[in-house]
Amino acid sequence: MPVLVVGSIALDHIKTPTQEHHQLLGGSASYAAVAASFFGPVNLVGVVGNDFPPQHKQLFADRGIDLAGLEVAEGQTFCWSGEYEVNMNNRRTLSVALNVFDKFEPKLPESYRDTPYVLLGNIAPSLQRMVCKQIKKPKFVVADTMDLWIGMARPDLLDLLKEVDMLILNDSEATQLIEDDSIIRAGKKIAQMGPRYVAVKKGEHGCLLFGKNGEFFSTGAFPLETIADPTGAGDCFAGGFIGHLARTDDTSFANLKEAVIQGTLVASYCCEDFSLRRIQKLTEGEIAERRKAFGTYIA
């Protein structure tokens, strides 16, 4: 089953205590689409400027990602710059230039509207809802969000929750949305606000999965000795998650638990190098091997 991924496509400038890189491929849709492509066909919707490097577009093509929904607009591509501390849980944004993304309105090609599995990447909830109005009878819709939208676009986000099957957010965002310091209470409450399921990411500490009917699952992250760049790991998690669902065409809670693990594994590879450099070289066999090791780890 194909996956529809809608979100931002960016050029990132990233600095860590040891390295600095410019013009990296970034954006929620970029990471999620490439991650999902390890599990099956992907339809990508996003916008870039006419300065978008051809090698980045080629990466999408090399992964078999359909680019009929990729808009090339006059101007510069969305650009984000950030810096990480030694503790890479701490990051600060240095600059944001929306450029062509500022006027982005997702328009789905007719051939995309019947895509059964949909990932609404981390963009404004008003844009995510715009996509919901264009898709026809999807089997499972996942939406990602962040603290910015919880603070600036709460009404739109609350309306979105009634239109999707699952919400993905991190632990601090979950407690921010519910205004409750308990992650467990927050996860349970969000699951009663519309979506059937809620995935609460906890970074290096894994993920919690909540169901509307009281279902619960918890898993740790894959242990990495060295992290080069965690940018995009959450988007890779979302892409791996929806990709696994589409490949198996099974939305039972038992399979959602496996999808969480698959997403966690792809995200772990993302952290091993800057941007999508490690994912670009990744093979399905490597994911399978890490899955075996992860099974031993969580036993």
C-alpha atoms as a PDB file:
ATOM      1  CA  MET A   1       0.000   0.000   0.000  1.00  0.00           C
ATOM      2  CA  PRO A   2       1.373   3.464  -0.836  1.00  0.00           C
ATOM      3  CA  VAL A   3       1.936   6.231   1.697  1.00  0.00           C
ATOM      4  CA  LEU A   4       1.176   9.923   1.220  1.00  0.00           C
ATOM      5  CA  VAL A   5       3.620  12.248   2.996  1.00  0.00           C
ATOM      6  CA  VAL A   6       2.895  15.979   3.201  1.00  0.00           C
ATOM      7  CA  GLY A   7       5.156  18.450   4.966  1.00  0.00           C
ATOM      8  CA  SER A   8       8.087  20.812   4.746  1.00  0.00           C
ATOM      9  CA  ILE A   9      11.185  20.415   2.599  1.00  0.00           C
ATOM     10  CA  ALA A  10      14.112  22.517   3.721  1.00  0.00           C
ATOM     11  CA  LEU A  11      17.763  23.324   3.443  1.00  0.00           C
ATOM     12  CA  ASP A  12      19.334  23.047   6.902  1.00  0.00           C
ATOM     13  CA  HIS A  13      22.435  24.603   8.406  1.00  0.00           C
ATOM     14  CA  ILE A  14      23.424  22.537  11.436  1.00  0.00           C
ATOM     15  CA  LYS A  15      26.176  23.064  13.981  1.00  0.00           C
ATOM     16  CA  THR A  16      27.222  20.638  16.711  1.00  0.00           C
ATOM     17  CA  PRO A  17      30.130  20.878  19.169  1.00  0.00           C
ATOM     18  CA  THR A  18      32.302  18.969  16.657  1.00  0.00           C
ATOM     19  CA  GLN A  19      31.014  19.745  13.142  1.00  0.00           C
ATOM     20  CA  GLU A  20      29.127  22.289  11.053  1.00  0.00           C
ATOM     21  CA  HIS A  21      27.333  21.643   7.743  1.00  0.00           C
ATOM     22  CA  HIS A  22      25.390  23.821   5.314  1.00  0.00           C
ATOM     23  CA  GLN A  23      22.770  23.219   2.610  1.00  0.00           C
ATOM     24  CA  LEU A  24      21.733  19.876   4.105  1.00  0.00           C
ATOM     25  CA  LEU A  25      18.481  18.285   2.991  1.00  0.00           C
ATOM     26  CA  GLY A  26      15.966  18.802   5.786  1.00  0.00           C
ATOM     27  CA  GLY A  27      12.290  19.307   6.527  1.00  0.00           C
ATOM     28  CA  SER A  28       9.662  17.016   8.004  1.00  0.00           C
ATOM     29  CA  ALA A  29       8.518  15.621   4.651  1.00  0.00           C
ATOM     30  CA  SER A  30      12.048  14.873   3.459  1.00  0.00           C
ATOM     31  CA  TYR A  31      12.958  12.747   6.458  1.00  0.00           C
ATOM     32  CA  ALA A  32       9.572  11.036   6.699  1.00  0.00           C
ATOM     33  CA  ALA A  33       9.284  10.234   2.989  1.00  0.00           C
ATOM     34  CA  VAL A  34      12.749   8.690   2.757  1.00  0.00           C
ATOM     35  CA  ALA A  35      12.137   6.684   5.951  1.00  0.00           C
ATOM     36  CA  ALA A  36       8.786   5.409   4.666  1.00  0.00           C
ATOM     37  CA  SER A  37      10.326   4.434   1.322  1.00  0.00           C
ATOM     38  CA  PHE A  38      12.059   1.441   2.945  1.00  0.00           C
ATOM     39  CA  PHE A  39       8.647  -0.130   3.432  1.00  0.00           C
ATOM     40  CA  GLY A  40       6.863   0.656   0.152  1.00  0.00           C
ATOM     41  CA  PRO A  41       5.903   3.334  -2.403  1.00  0.00           C
ATOM     42  CA  VAL A  42       5.660   6.957  -1.264  1.00  0.00           C
ATOM     43  CA  ASN A  43       3.851   9.972  -2.729  1.00  0.00           C
ATOM     44  CA  LEU A  44       5.449  13.253  -1.635  1.00  0.00           C
ATOM     45  CA  VAL A  45       3.742  16.651  -1.429  1.00  0.00           C
ATOM     46  CA  GLY A  46       5.792  19.743  -0.618  1.00  0.00           C
ATOM     47  CA  VAL A  47       7.313  22.904  -2.066  1.00  0.00           C
ATOM     48  CA  VAL A  48      10.894  23.934  -2.848  1.00  0.00           C
ATOM     49  CA  GLY A  49      12.450  26.970  -4.479  1.00  0.00           C
ATOM     50  CA  ASN A  50      14.291  27.038  -7.772  1.00  0.00           C
ATOM     51  CA  ASP A  51      17.532  27.015  -5.743  1.00  0.00           C
ATOM     52  CA  PHE A  52      16.835  23.465  -4.505  1.00  0.00           C
ATOM     53  CA  PRO A  53      19.987  21.400  -5.188  1.00  0.00           C
ATOM     54  CA  PRO A  54      19.454  18.716  -7.861  1.00  0.00           C
ATOM     55  CA  GLN A  55      21.284  16.101  -5.775  1.00  0.00           C
ATOM     56  CA  HIS A  56      18.587  16.366  -3.089  1.00  0.00           C
ATOM     57  CA  LYS A  57      15.842  15.833  -5.646  1.00  0.00           C
ATOM     58  CA  GLN A  58      17.836  12.890  -6.989  1.00  0.00           C
ATOM     59  CA  LEU A  59      17.910  11.327  -3.531  1.00  0.00           C
ATOM     60  CA  PHE A  60      14.107  11.244  -3.560  1.00  0.00           C
ATOM     61  CA  ALA A  61      14.107   9.739  -7.032  1.00  0.00           C
ATOM     62  CA  ASP A  62      16.697   7.123  -6.063  1.00  0.00           C
ATOM     63  CA  ARG A  63      14.371   5.989  -3.262  1.00  0.00           C
ATOM     64  CA  GLY A  64      11.507   5.598  -5.730  1.00  0.00           C
ATOM     65  CA  ILE A  65       9.520   8.470  -4.189  1.00  0.00           C
ATOM     66  CA  ASP A  66       6.849   9.855  -6.515  1.00  0.00           C
ATOM     67  CA  LEU A  67       7.411  13.591  -7.039  1.00  0.00           C
ATOM     68  CA  ALA A  68       4.251  14.517  -8.941  1.00  0.00           C
ATOM     69  CA  GLY A  69       3.205  16.483  -5.847  1.00  0.00           C
ATOM     70  CA  LEU A  70       6.501  18.354  -5.472  1.00  0.00           C
ATOM     71  CA  GLU A  71       5.956  22.033  -6.336  1.00  0.00           C
ATOM     72  CA  VAL A  72       8.916  24.106  -7.529  1.00  0.00           C
ATOM     73  CA  ALA A  73       8.154  27.777  -6.863  1.00  0.00           C
ATOM     74  CA  GLU A  74      10.009  30.913  -7.873  1.00  0.00           C
ATOM     75  CA  GLY A  75      12.251  31.911  -4.968  1.00  0.00           C
ATOM     76  CA  GLN A  76      14.351  30.286  -2.291  1.00  0.00           C
ATOM     77  CA  THR A  77      13.722  27.059  -0.421  1.00  0.00           C
ATOM     78  CA  PHE A  78      12.699  27.093   3.255  1.00  0.00           C
ATOM     79  CA  CYS A  79      15.903  27.365   5.308  1.00  0.00           C
ATOM     80  CA  TRP A  80      16.476  26.471   8.956  1.00  0.00           C
ATOM     81  CA  SER A  81      19.650  26.920  11.010  1.00  0.00           C
ATOM     82  CA  GLY A  82      20.243  25.344  14.415  1.00  0.00           C
ATOM     83  CA  GLU A  83      22.959  24.574  16.944  1.00  0.00           C
ATOM     84  CA  TYR A  84      23.247  21.638  19.362  1.00  0.00           C
ATOM     85  CA  GLU A  85      24.961  21.600  22.734  1.00  0.00           C
ATOM     86  CA  VAL A  86      27.161  18.744  23.974  1.00  0.00           C
ATOM     87  CA  ASN A  87      23.974  17.269  25.408  1.00  0.00           C
ATOM     88  CA  MET A  88      22.123  16.917  22.117  1.00  0.00           C
ATOM     89  CA  ASN A  89      18.764  16.982  23.845  1.00  0.00           C
ATOM     90  CA  ASN A  90      19.410  20.732  23.937  1.00  0.00           C
ATOM     91  CA  ARG A  91      19.108  22.628  20.670  1.00  0.00           C
ATOM     92  CA  ARG A  92      18.494  26.245  19.765  1.00  0.00           C
ATOM     93  CA  THR A  93      17.246  27.681  16.512  1.00  0.00           C
ATOM     94  CA  LEU A  94      19.566  30.301  15.080  1.00  0.00           C
ATOM     95  CA  SER A  95      17.444  31.411  12.139  1.00  0.00           C
ATOM     96  CA  VAL A  96      14.351  30.521  10.131  1.00  0.00           C
ATOM     97  CA  ALA A  97      13.601  31.734   6.605  1.00  0.00           C
ATOM     98  CA  LEU A  98      10.281  30.362   5.351  1.00  0.00           C
ATOM     99  CA  ASN A  99      10.819  31.676   1.813  1.00  0.00           C
ATOM    100  CA  VAL A 100       8.560  29.784  -0.658  1.00  0.00           C
ATOM    101  CA  PHE A 101       7.126  27.700   2.179  1.00  0.00           C
ATOM    102  CA  ASP A 102       5.483  30.836   3.575  1.00  0.00           C
ATOM    103  CA  LYS A 103       2.722  30.616   0.946  1.00  0.00           C
ATOM    104  CA  PHE A 104       2.584  26.835   0.655  1.00  0.00           C
ATOM    105  CA  GLU A 105      -0.885  25.381   0.241  1.00  0.00           C
ATOM    106  CA  PRO A 106      -0.740  21.619  -0.278  1.00  0.00           C
ATOM    107  CA  LYS A 107      -2.470  20.546  -3.475  1.00  0.00           C
ATOM    108  CA  LEU A 108      -2.776  16.818  -4.019  1.00  0.00           C
ATOM    109  CA  PRO A 109      -2.576  15.427  -7.539  1.00  0.00           C
ATOM    110  CA  GLU A 110      -5.709  13.463  -8.347  1.00  0.00           C
ATOM    111  CA  SER A 111      -3.707  10.224  -8.310  1.00  0.00           C
ATOM    112  CA  TYR A 112      -2.705  10.886  -4.669  1.00  0.00           C
ATOM    113  CA  ARG A 113      -6.200  11.415  -3.260  1.00  0.00           C
ATOM    114  CA  ASP A 114      -6.928   7.708  -2.874  1.00  0.00           C
ATOM    115  CA  THR A 115      -3.668   6.937  -1.023  1.00  0.00           C
ATOM    116  CA  PRO A 116      -4.767   4.741   1.915  1.00  0.00           C
ATOM    117  CA  TYR A 117      -2.070   5.665   4.438  1.00  0.00           C
ATOM    118  CA  VAL A 118      -1.364   9.327   5.127  1.00  0.00           C
ATOM    119  CA  LEU A 119       1.285  11.126   7.155  1.00  0.00           C
ATOM    120  CA  LEU A 120       0.702  14.806   7.835  1.00  0.00           C
ATOM    121  CA  GLY A 121       4.181  16.033   8.664  1.00  0.00           C
ATOM    122  CA  ASN A 122       4.962  18.709  11.213  1.00  0.00           C
ATOM    123  CA  ILE A 123       3.401  21.758   9.561  1.00  0.00           C
ATOM    124  CA  ALA A 124       0.640  24.164  10.602  1.00  0.00           C
ATOM    125  CA  PRO A 125      -2.554  22.300  11.551  1.00  0.00           C
ATOM    126  CA  SER A 126      -4.506  24.492   9.119  1.00  0.00           C
ATOM    127  CA  LEU A 127      -2.409  23.014   6.280  1.00  0.00           C
ATOM    128  CA  GLN A 128      -2.808  19.513   7.688  1.00  0.00           C
ATOM    129  CA  ARG A 129      -6.588  19.993   7.706  1.00  0.00           C
ATOM    130  CA  MET A 130      -6.381  21.239   4.120  1.00  0.00           C
ATOM    131  CA  VAL A 131      -4.937  17.851   3.167  1.00  0.00           C
ATOM    132  CA  CYS A 132      -7.670  16.023   5.097  1.00  0.00           C
ATOM    133  CA  LYS A 133     -10.260  17.732   2.923  1.00  0.00           C
ATOM    134  CA  GLN A 134      -8.583  16.396  -0.241  1.00  0.00           C
ATOM    135  CA  ILE A 135      -8.041  12.738   0.640  1.00  0.00           C
ATOM    136  CA  LYS A 136     -10.703  10.124  -0.063  1.00  0.00           C
ATOM    137  CA  LYS A 137     -11.537   7.400   2.466  1.00  0.00           C
ATOM    138  CA  PRO A 138      -8.039   6.838   3.893  1.00  0.00           C
ATOM    139  CA  LYS A 139      -7.416   3.775   6.034  1.00  0.00           C
ATOM    140  CA  PHE A 140      -5.155   5.516   8.555  1.00  0.00           C
ATOM    141  CA  VAL A 141      -4.101   9.148   8.954  1.00  0.00           C
ATOM    142  CA  VAL A 142      -1.217  10.171  11.220  1.00  0.00           C
ATOM    143  CA  ALA A 143      -0.459  13.788  12.154  1.00  0.00           C
ATOM    144  CA  ASP A 144       2.742  15.097  13.701  1.00  0.00           C
ATOM    145  CA  THR A 145       2.846  18.375  15.614  1.00  0.00           C
ATOM    146  CA  MET A 146       5.077  20.538  17.812  1.00  0.00           C
ATOM    147  CA  ASP A 147       5.078  23.101  20.606  1.00  0.00           C
ATOM    148  CA  LEU A 148       4.841  26.027  18.166  1.00  0.00           C
ATOM    149  CA  TRP A 149       1.437  24.915  16.888  1.00  0.00           C
ATOM    150  CA  ILE A 150       0.185  24.050  20.376  1.00  0.00           C
ATOM    151  CA  GLY A 151       0.936  27.611  21.404  1.00  0.00           C
ATOM    152  CA  MET A 152      -0.021  29.498  18.238  1.00  0.00           C
ATOM    153  CA  ALA A 153      -2.711  27.385  16.578  1.00  0.00           C
ATOM    154  CA  ARG A 154      -4.418  25.442  19.369  1.00  0.00           C
ATOM    155  CA  PRO A 155      -7.995  25.777  17.982  1.00  0.00           C
ATOM    156  CA  ASP A 156      -6.920  24.421  14.586  1.00  0.00           C
ATOM    157  CA  LEU A 157      -4.968  21.633  16.258  1.00  0.00           C
ATOM    158  CA  LEU A 158      -7.923  20.613  18.415  1.00  0.00           C
ATOM    159  CA  ASP A 159     -10.115  20.469  15.301  1.00  0.00           C
ATOM    160  CA  LEU A 160      -7.460  18.404  13.526  1.00  0.00           C
ATOM    161  CA  LEU A 161      -7.496  15.820  16.323  1.00  0.00           C
ATOM    162  CA  LYS A 162     -11.047  14.914  15.348  1.00  0.00           C
ATOM    163  CA  GLU A 163      -9.987  14.211  11.750  1.00  0.00           C
ATOM    164  CA  VAL A 164      -6.983  11.906  12.240  1.00  0.00           C
ATOM    165  CA  ASP A 165      -6.423   8.399  13.544  1.00  0.00           C
ATOM    166  CA  MET A 166      -3.214   9.133  15.411  1.00  0.00           C
ATOM    167  CA  LEU A 167      -1.242  12.077  16.781  1.00  0.00           C
ATOM    168  CA  ILE A 168       2.528  12.054  17.247  1.00  0.00           C
ATOM    169  CA  LEU A 169       4.212  14.535  19.594  1.00  0.00           C
ATOM    170  CA  ASN A 170       6.994  14.520  22.172  1.00  0.00           C
ATOM    171  CA  ASP A 171       6.662  14.320  25.935  1.00  0.00           C
ATOM    172  CA  SER A 172       6.976  18.047  26.659  1.00  0.00           C
ATOM    173  CA  GLU A 173       4.461  18.849  23.920  1.00  0.00           C
ATOM    174  CA  ALA A 174       1.997  16.321  25.314  1.00  0.00           C
ATOM    175  CA  THR A 175       2.095  17.901  28.760  1.00  0.00           C
ATOM    176  CA  GLN A 176       1.900  21.371  27.169  1.00  0.00           C
ATOM    177  CA  LEU A 177      -1.214  20.442  25.193  1.00  0.00           C
ATOM    178  CA  ILE A 178      -3.017  19.036  28.240  1.00  0.00           C
ATOM    179  CA  GLU A 179      -1.422  21.407  30.779  1.00  0.00           C
ATOM    180  CA  ASP A 180      -0.570  18.472  33.033  1.00  0.00           C
ATOM    181  CA  ASP A 181       2.927  17.464  34.157  1.00  0.00           C
ATOM    182  CA  SER A 182       2.115  13.741  33.962  1.00  0.00           C
ATOM    183  CA  ILE A 183       3.019  12.239  30.588  1.00  0.00           C
ATOM    184  CA  ILE A 184       0.783   9.243  31.282  1.00  0.00           C
ATOM    185  CA  ARG A 185      -2.261  11.376  32.080  1.00  0.00           C
ATOM    186  CA  ALA A 186      -1.513  13.595  29.079  1.00  0.00           C
ATOM    187  CA  GLY A 187      -1.302  10.653  26.689  1.00  0.00           C
ATOM    188  CA  LYS A 188      -4.553   9.189  27.954  1.00  0.00           C
ATOM    189  CA  LYS A 189      -6.381  12.522  27.789  1.00  0.00           C
ATOM    190  CA  ILE A 190      -5.213  13.306  24.241  1.00  0.00           C
ATOM    191  CA  ALA A 191      -6.485   9.895  23.141  1.00  0.00           C
ATOM    192  CA  GLN A 192      -9.938  10.990  24.288  1.00  0.00           C
ATOM    193  CA  MET A 193      -9.816  14.221  22.257  1.00  0.00           C
ATOM    194  CA  GLY A 194     -10.364  12.649  18.850  1.00  0.00           C
ATOM    195  CA  PRO A 195      -7.536  10.426  17.615  1.00  0.00           C
ATOM    196  CA  ARG A 196      -7.760   6.699  18.248  1.00  0.00           C
ATOM    197  CA  TYR A 197      -4.085   6.579  19.194  1.00  0.00           C
ATOM    198  CA  VAL A 198      -1.378   8.881  20.514  1.00  0.00           C
ATOM    199  CA  ALA A 199       2.370   8.275  20.259  1.00  0.00           C
ATOM    200  CA  VAL A 200       4.434  10.258  22.762  1.00  0.00           C
ATOM    201  CA  LYS A 201       8.113  10.382  21.792  1.00  0.00           C
ATOM    202  CA  LYS A 202      10.687  10.499  24.585  1.00  0.00           C
ATOM    203  CA  GLY A 203      13.886  10.905  22.563  1.00  0.00           C
ATOM    204  CA  GLU A 204      16.631   8.581  23.723  1.00  0.00           C
ATOM    205  CA  HIS A 205      14.145   7.055  26.199  1.00  0.00           C
ATOM    206  CA  GLY A 206      11.847   5.637  23.517  1.00  0.00           C
ATOM    207  CA  CYS A 207       8.127   6.035  22.946  1.00  0.00           C
ATOM    208  CA  LEU A 208       4.758   5.566  24.663  1.00  0.00           C
ATOM    209  CA  LEU A 209       1.705   4.502  22.670  1.00  0.00           C
ATOM    210  CA  PHE A 210      -1.793   5.168  24.012  1.00  0.00           C
ATOM    211  CA  GLY A 211      -5.138   3.947  22.670  1.00  0.00           C
ATOM    212  CA  LYS A 212      -8.593   5.467  23.104  1.00  0.00           C
ATOM    213  CA  ASN A 213      -9.845   2.229  24.701  1.00  0.00           C
ATOM    214  CA  GLY A 214      -7.084   2.044  27.299  1.00  0.00           C
ATOM    215  CA  GLU A 215      -4.461   0.252  25.188  1.00  0.00           C
ATOM    216  CA  PHE A 216      -0.870   1.020  26.191  1.00  0.00           C
ATOM    217  CA  PHE A 217       2.609   0.145  24.936  1.00  0.00           C
ATOM    218  CA  SER A 218       6.048   1.368  25.941  1.00  0.00           C
ATOM    219  CA  THR A 219       9.389   0.771  24.281  1.00  0.00           C
ATOM    220  CA  GLY A 220      12.880   2.110  24.723  1.00  0.00           C
ATOM    221  CA  ALA A 221      15.015   3.596  21.959  1.00  0.00           C
ATOM    222  CA  PHE A 222      17.768   1.611  20.294  1.00  0.00           C
ATOM    223  CA  PRO A 223      20.958   2.280  22.309  1.00  0.00           C
ATOM    224  CA  LEU A 224      23.531   4.268  20.336  1.00  0.00           C
ATOM    225  CA  GLU A 225      27.072   4.848  21.560  1.00  0.00           C
ATOM    226  CA  THR A 226      27.540   7.972  19.423  1.00  0.00           C
ATOM    227  CA  ILE A 227      25.048  10.478  18.050  1.00  0.00           C
ATOM    228  CA  ALA A 228      26.209  12.712  15.212  1.00  0.00           C
ATOM    229  CA  ASP A 229      23.014  14.689  14.559  1.00  0.00           C
ATOM    230  CA  PRO A 230      19.511  13.988  15.919  1.00  0.00           C
ATOM    231  CA  THR A 231      17.806  16.374  13.481  1.00  0.00           C
ATOM    232  CA  GLY A 232      14.917  14.652  11.730  1.00  0.00           C
ATOM    233  CA  ALA A 233      14.883  11.587  13.965  1.00  0.00           C
ATOM    234  CA  GLY A 234      11.278  12.225  14.986  1.00  0.00           C
ATOM    235  CA  ASP A 235      10.245  12.583  11.351  1.00  0.00           C
ATOM    236  CA  CYS A 236      12.050   9.349  10.472  1.00  0.00           C
ATOM    237  CA  PHE A 237      10.166   7.688  13.320  1.00  0.00           C
ATOM    238  CA  ALA A 238       6.869   8.880  11.848  1.00  0.00           C
ATOM    239  CA  GLY A 239       7.873   7.772   8.354  1.00  0.00           C
ATOM    240  CA  GLY A 240       8.972   4.336   9.505  1.00  0.00           C
ATOM    241  CA  PHE A 241       5.789   3.974  11.524  1.00  0.00           C
ATOM    242  CA  ILE A 242       3.380   4.766   8.682  1.00  0.00           C
ATOM    243  CA  GLY A 243       5.550   2.841   6.219  1.00  0.00           C
ATOM    244  CA  HIS A 244       5.253  -0.341   8.284  1.00  0.00           C
ATOM    245  CA  LEU A 245       1.479   0.060   8.553  1.00  0.00           C
ATOM    246  CA  ALA A 246       1.183   0.487   4.808  1.00  0.00           C
ATOM    247  CA  ARG A 247       3.409  -2.489   4.032  1.00  0.00           C
ATOM    248  CA  THR A 248       1.422  -4.797   6.318  1.00  0.00           C
ATOM    249  CA  ASP A 249      -1.967  -3.126   5.694  1.00  0.00           C
ATOM    250  CA  ASP A 250      -2.840  -3.905   9.313  1.00  0.00           C
ATOM    251  CA  THR A 251      -3.971  -1.250  11.802  1.00  0.00           C
ATOM    252  CA  SER A 252      -4.533  -3.532  14.787  1.00  0.00           C
ATOM    253  CA  PHE A 253      -2.991  -2.382  18.052  1.00  0.00           C
ATOM    254  CA  ALA A 254      -0.591  -5.341  17.959  1.00  0.00           C
ATOM    255  CA  ASN A 255       0.728  -4.142  14.613  1.00  0.00           C
ATOM    256  CA  LEU A 256       0.858  -0.518  15.761  1.00  0.00           C
ATOM    257  CA  LYS A 257       3.252  -1.670  18.479  1.00  0.00           C
ATOM    258  CA  GLU A 258       5.513  -3.217  15.843  1.00  0.00           C
ATOM    259  CA  ALA A 259       5.219  -0.036  13.767  1.00  0.00           C
ATOM    260  CA  VAL A 260       6.491   1.954  16.765  1.00  0.00           C
ATOM    261  CA  ILE A 261       9.517  -0.330  16.950  1.00  0.00           C
ATOM    262  CA  GLN A 262      10.185  -0.081  13.208  1.00  0.00           C
ATOM    263  CA  GLY A 263       9.966   3.701  13.381  1.00  0.00           C
ATOM    264  CA  THR A 264      12.312   3.715  16.359  1.00  0.00           C
ATOM    265  CA  LEU A 265      14.881   1.673  14.448  1.00  0.00           C
ATOM    266  CA  VAL A 266      14.868   3.902  11.358  1.00  0.00           C
ATOM    267  CA  ALA A 267      15.174   6.944  13.623  1.00  0.00           C
ATOM    268  CA  SER A 268      18.233   5.423  15.285  1.00  0.00           C
ATOM    269  CA  TYR A 269      20.025   5.221  11.939  1.00  0.00           C
ATOM    270  CA  CYS A 270      19.154   8.849  11.220  1.00  0.00           C
ATOM    271  CA  CYS A 271      21.113   9.957  14.302  1.00  0.00           C
ATOM    272  CA  GLU A 272      24.329   8.307  13.102  1.00  0.00           C
ATOM    273  CA  ASP A 273      25.162  11.031  10.559  1.00  0.00           C
ATOM    274  CA  PHE A 274      24.059  14.477   9.463  1.00  0.00           C
ATOM    275  CA  SER A 275      20.839  14.986   7.536  1.00  0.00           C
ATOM    276  CA  LEU A 276      19.847  11.875   5.555  1.00  0.00           C
ATOM    277  CA  ARG A 277      23.401  10.748   4.836  1.00  0.00           C
ATOM    278  CA  ARG A 278      23.148   7.553   6.878  1.00  0.00           C
ATOM    279  CA  ILE A 279      19.598   6.817   5.766  1.00  0.00           C
ATOM    280  CA  GLN A 280      20.701   7.286   2.165  1.00  0.00           C
ATOM    281  CA  LYS A 281      23.085   4.326   2.550  1.00  0.00           C
ATOM    282  CA  LEU A 282      20.738   2.240   4.692  1.00  0.00           C
ATOM    283  CA  THR A 283      19.457  -1.144   3.503  1.00  0.00           C
ATOM    284  CA  GLU A 284      16.377  -3.110   4.477  1.00  0.00           C
ATOM    285  CA  GLY A 285      18.713  -5.863   5.622  1.00  0.00           C
ATOM    286  CA  GLU A 286      20.348  -3.531   8.134  1.00  0.00           C
ATOM    287  CA  ILE A 287      16.948  -2.595   9.538  1.00  0.00           C
ATOM    288  CA  ALA A 288      16.105  -6.301   9.896  1.00  0.00           C
ATOM    289  CA  GLU A 289      19.404  -6.992  11.678  1.00  0.00           C
ATOM    290  CA  ARG A 290      18.876  -4.135  14.098  1.00  0.00           C
ATOM    291  CA  ARG A 291      15.354  -5.418  14.715  1.00  0.00           C
ATOM    292  CA  LYS A 292      16.829  -8.743  15.842  1.00  0.00           C
ATOM    293  CA  ALA A 293      19.242  -6.960  18.140  1.00  0.00           C
ATOM    294  CA  PHE A 294      16.472  -4.735  19.463  1.00  0.00           C
ATOM    295  CA  GLY A 295      14.342  -7.781  20.254  1.00  0.00           C
ATOM    296  CA  THR A 296      17.143  -9.106  22.421  1.00  0.00           C
ATOM    297  CA  TYR A 297      17.578  -5.701  24.021  1.00  0.00           C
ATOM    298  CA  ILE A 298      13.937  -5.355  25.110  1.00  0.00           C
ATOM    299  CA  ALA A 299      13.406  -9.027  26.080  1.00  0.00           C
END
